C-alpha atoms as a PDB file:
ATOM      1  CA  MET A   1      -9.922 -11.284 -18.390  1.00  0.00           C
ATOM      2  CA  ARG A   2     -10.573 -13.118 -15.138  1.00  0.00           C
ATOM      3  CA  ILE A   3     -11.974 -16.649 -15.538  1.00  0.00           C
ATOM      4  CA  LEU A   4     -13.351 -18.948 -12.834  1.00  0.00           C
ATOM      5  CA  PHE A   5     -13.371 -22.725 -13.302  1.00  0.00           C
ATOM      6  CA  ASP A   6     -16.289 -24.539 -11.701  1.00  0.00           C
ATOM      7  CA  GLU A   7     -15.460 -27.328  -9.266  1.00  0.00           C
ATOM      8  CA  ASN A   8     -16.222 -29.969 -11.887  1.00  0.00           C
ATOM      9  CA  LEU A   9     -13.390 -28.862 -14.219  1.00  0.00           C
ATOM     10  CA  ASN A  10      -9.905 -30.321 -14.135  1.00  0.00           C
ATOM     11  CA  ARG A  11      -7.430 -27.572 -13.306  1.00  0.00           C
ATOM     12  CA  ARG A  12      -5.061 -28.885 -16.003  1.00  0.00           C
ATOM     13  CA  LEU A  13      -7.401 -27.187 -18.496  1.00  0.00           C
ATOM     14  CA  LYS A  14      -5.942 -23.869 -17.331  1.00  0.00           C
ATOM     15  CA  ARG A  15      -2.997 -24.481 -19.664  1.00  0.00           C
ATOM     16  CA  PHE A  16      -5.196 -23.543 -22.643  1.00  0.00           C
ATOM     17  CA  PHE A  17      -5.406 -19.949 -21.400  1.00  0.00           C
ATOM     18  CA  HIS A  18      -2.503 -17.634 -22.179  1.00  0.00           C
ATOM     19  CA  ASP A  19      -1.677 -13.939 -21.920  1.00  0.00           C
ATOM     20  CA  GLY A  20      -4.589 -11.745 -21.036  1.00  0.00           C
ATOM     21  CA  PHE A  21      -6.334 -14.434 -18.979  1.00  0.00           C
ATOM     22  CA  ASP A  22      -6.189 -14.907 -15.235  1.00  0.00           C
ATOM     23  CA  VAL A  23      -7.728 -18.301 -14.425  1.00  0.00           C
ATOM     24  CA  MET A  24      -8.616 -19.571 -10.972  1.00  0.00           C
ATOM     25  CA  THR A  25     -10.553 -22.618  -9.770  1.00  0.00           C
ATOM     26  CA  ILE A  26     -13.332 -22.478  -7.188  1.00  0.00           C
ATOM     27  CA  PRO A  27     -11.220 -24.415  -4.639  1.00  0.00           C
ATOM     28  CA  GLU A  28      -8.288 -22.040  -5.223  1.00  0.00           C
ATOM     29  CA  ARG A  29     -10.624 -19.111  -4.534  1.00  0.00           C
ATOM     30  CA  GLY A  30     -11.918 -20.798  -1.360  1.00  0.00           C
ATOM     31  CA  TRP A  31     -15.497 -21.160  -2.576  1.00  0.00           C
ATOM     32  CA  SER A  32     -15.794 -24.963  -2.549  1.00  0.00           C
ATOM     33  CA  GLY A  33     -19.290 -26.179  -1.768  1.00  0.00           C
ATOM     34  CA  LYS A  34     -21.060 -22.898  -2.615  1.00  0.00           C
ATOM     35  CA  ARG A  35     -24.440 -23.371  -4.283  1.00  0.00           C
ATOM     36  CA  ASN A  36     -24.894 -22.038  -7.828  1.00  0.00           C
ATOM     37  CA  GLY A  37     -26.900 -18.913  -6.987  1.00  0.00           C
ATOM     38  CA  GLU A  38     -24.502 -17.748  -4.293  1.00  0.00           C
ATOM     39  CA  LEU A  39     -21.500 -18.769  -6.379  1.00  0.00           C
ATOM     40  CA  LEU A  40     -22.643 -16.723  -9.378  1.00  0.00           C
ATOM     41  CA  ARG A  41     -23.226 -13.642  -7.202  1.00  0.00           C
ATOM     42  CA  LEU A  42     -19.761 -13.961  -5.663  1.00  0.00           C
ATOM     43  CA  ALA A  43     -18.102 -14.679  -9.003  1.00  0.00           C
ATOM     44  CA  GLU A  44     -19.567 -11.675 -10.786  1.00  0.00           C
ATOM     45  CA  MET A  45     -17.815  -9.372  -8.299  1.00  0.00           C
ATOM     46  CA  GLU A  46     -14.355 -10.699  -9.212  1.00  0.00           C
ATOM     47  CA  PHE A  47     -14.555 -12.553 -12.522  1.00  0.00           C
ATOM     48  CA  ASP A  48     -15.653 -11.924 -16.096  1.00  0.00           C
ATOM     49  CA  ALA A  49     -16.686 -15.502 -16.875  1.00  0.00           C
ATOM     50  CA  ILE A  50     -17.231 -18.904 -15.318  1.00  0.00           C
ATOM     51  CA  LEU A  51     -16.564 -22.167 -17.174  1.00  0.00           C
ATOM     52  CA  THR A  52     -18.692 -25.139 -16.179  1.00  0.00           C
ATOM     53  CA  THR A  53     -20.166 -28.434 -17.354  1.00  0.00           C
ATOM     54  CA  ASP A  54     -23.259 -27.906 -15.161  1.00  0.00           C
ATOM     55  CA  LYS A  55     -26.087 -28.077 -17.701  1.00  0.00           C
ATOM     56  CA  GLY A  56     -28.593 -27.017 -15.037  1.00  0.00           C
ATOM     57  CA  ILE A  57     -27.275 -23.480 -14.564  1.00  0.00           C
ATOM     58  CA  PRO A  58     -29.137 -21.929 -17.527  1.00  0.00           C
ATOM     59  CA  HIS A  59     -32.420 -23.502 -16.364  1.00  0.00           C
ATOM     60  CA  GLN A  60     -32.045 -23.066 -12.621  1.00  0.00           C
ATOM     61  CA  GLN A  61     -30.552 -19.580 -12.444  1.00  0.00           C
ATOM     62  CA  ASN A  62     -31.782 -16.206 -13.686  1.00  0.00           C
ATOM     63  CA  LEU A  63     -28.748 -14.815 -15.475  1.00  0.00           C
ATOM     64  CA  THR A  64     -30.426 -11.612 -16.650  1.00  0.00           C
ATOM     65  CA  GLY A  65     -28.497  -8.627 -15.368  1.00  0.00           C
ATOM     66  CA  LEU A  66     -25.613 -10.792 -14.209  1.00  0.00           C
ATOM     67  CA  GLU A  67     -22.227  -9.167 -14.837  1.00  0.00           C
ATOM     68  CA  LEU A  68     -20.731 -12.527 -15.687  1.00  0.00           C
ATOM     69  CA  THR A  69     -20.671 -14.768 -18.743  1.00  0.00           C
ATOM     70  CA  VAL A  70     -21.316 -18.487 -18.315  1.00  0.00           C
ATOM     71  CA  VAL A  71     -19.455 -20.790 -20.717  1.00  0.00           C
ATOM     72  CA  LEU A  72     -21.099 -24.214 -20.698  1.00  0.00           C
ATOM     73  CA  LEU A  73     -18.814 -26.989 -21.914  1.00  0.00           C
ATOM     74  CA  ARG A  74     -20.849 -29.808 -23.445  1.00  0.00           C
ATOM     75  CA  ALA A  75     -18.991 -33.101 -23.447  1.00  0.00           C
ATOM     76  CA  LYS A  76     -19.772 -36.737 -22.734  1.00  0.00           C
ATOM     77  CA  SER A  77     -18.030 -36.410 -19.351  1.00  0.00           C
ATOM     78  CA  ASN A  78     -16.112 -33.824 -17.363  1.00  0.00           C
ATOM     79  CA  SER A  79     -12.831 -35.709 -17.801  1.00  0.00           C
ATOM     80  CA  TYR A  80      -9.795 -33.839 -19.078  1.00  0.00           C
ATOM     81  CA  GLU A  81      -9.744 -36.011 -22.206  1.00  0.00           C
ATOM     82  CA  ASP A  82     -13.327 -35.093 -23.125  1.00  0.00           C
ATOM     83  CA  LEU A  83     -13.021 -31.376 -22.318  1.00  0.00           C
ATOM     84  CA  ALA A  84      -9.576 -30.571 -23.753  1.00  0.00           C
ATOM     85  CA  PRO A  85     -10.813 -30.667 -27.388  1.00  0.00           C
ATOM     86  CA  LEU A  86     -13.396 -27.972 -26.523  1.00  0.00           C
ATOM     87  CA  MET A  87     -10.965 -25.514 -24.987  1.00  0.00           C
ATOM     88  CA  GLU A  88      -9.809 -23.721 -28.137  1.00  0.00           C
ATOM     89  CA  GLU A  89     -13.426 -22.850 -28.977  1.00  0.00           C
ATOM     90  CA  ALA A  90     -14.139 -21.931 -25.340  1.00  0.00           C
ATOM     91  CA  VAL A  91     -11.197 -19.512 -25.190  1.00  0.00           C
ATOM     92  CA  ALA A  92     -12.172 -17.958 -28.532  1.00  0.00           C
ATOM     93  CA  SER A  93     -15.767 -17.515 -27.363  1.00  0.00           C
ATOM     94  CA  LEU A  94     -14.608 -15.339 -24.489  1.00  0.00           C
ATOM     95  CA  ASN A  95     -13.546 -12.648 -26.957  1.00  0.00           C
ATOM     96  CA  HIS A  96     -17.250 -12.165 -27.800  1.00  0.00           C
ATOM     97  CA  ALA A  97     -18.695 -12.934 -24.383  1.00  0.00           C
ATOM     98  CA  VAL A  98     -21.775 -11.019 -23.290  1.00  0.00           C
ATOM     99  CA  PRO A  99     -22.443 -10.726 -19.546  1.00  0.00           C
ATOM    100  CA  GLY A 100     -25.685 -12.355 -18.419  1.00  0.00           C
ATOM    101  CA  THR A 101     -25.640 -14.975 -21.166  1.00  0.00           C
ATOM    102  CA  VAL A 102     -24.671 -18.621 -21.562  1.00  0.00           C
ATOM    103  CA  THR A 103     -22.396 -19.670 -24.383  1.00  0.00           C
ATOM    104  CA  GLY A 104     -22.542 -23.387 -25.172  1.00  0.00           C
ATOM    105  CA  ILE A 105     -19.389 -25.137 -26.388  1.00  0.00           C
ATOM    106  CA  PRO A 106     -19.601 -26.751 -28.813  1.00  0.00           C
ATOM    107  CA  ALA A 107     -22.159 -24.351 -30.202  1.00  0.00           C
ATOM    108  CA  THR A 108     -25.407 -26.027 -31.214  1.00  0.00           C
END
């Protein structure tokens, strides 16, 4: 499964992904500065899911028909220390990911 990390995620979080996952950050892919709509269209051509802390994506973007799952990490900040505890649940959620949907972590 190919996973894209949004620009707001610390790349050290990649260590939580093991065999079967290919994880790349937006800067590594060369897409820094792309706006959400364009980014999602580009990402769906190469990735299965995008991880982000951008709470606006579900409200600002029409995800219907998108061949990409959005995993929204909900934490008090986007620091490594606040996001690391969510990663086990985020990785597990990808096993049940449905393209065109947003999965919130932690689930509410």
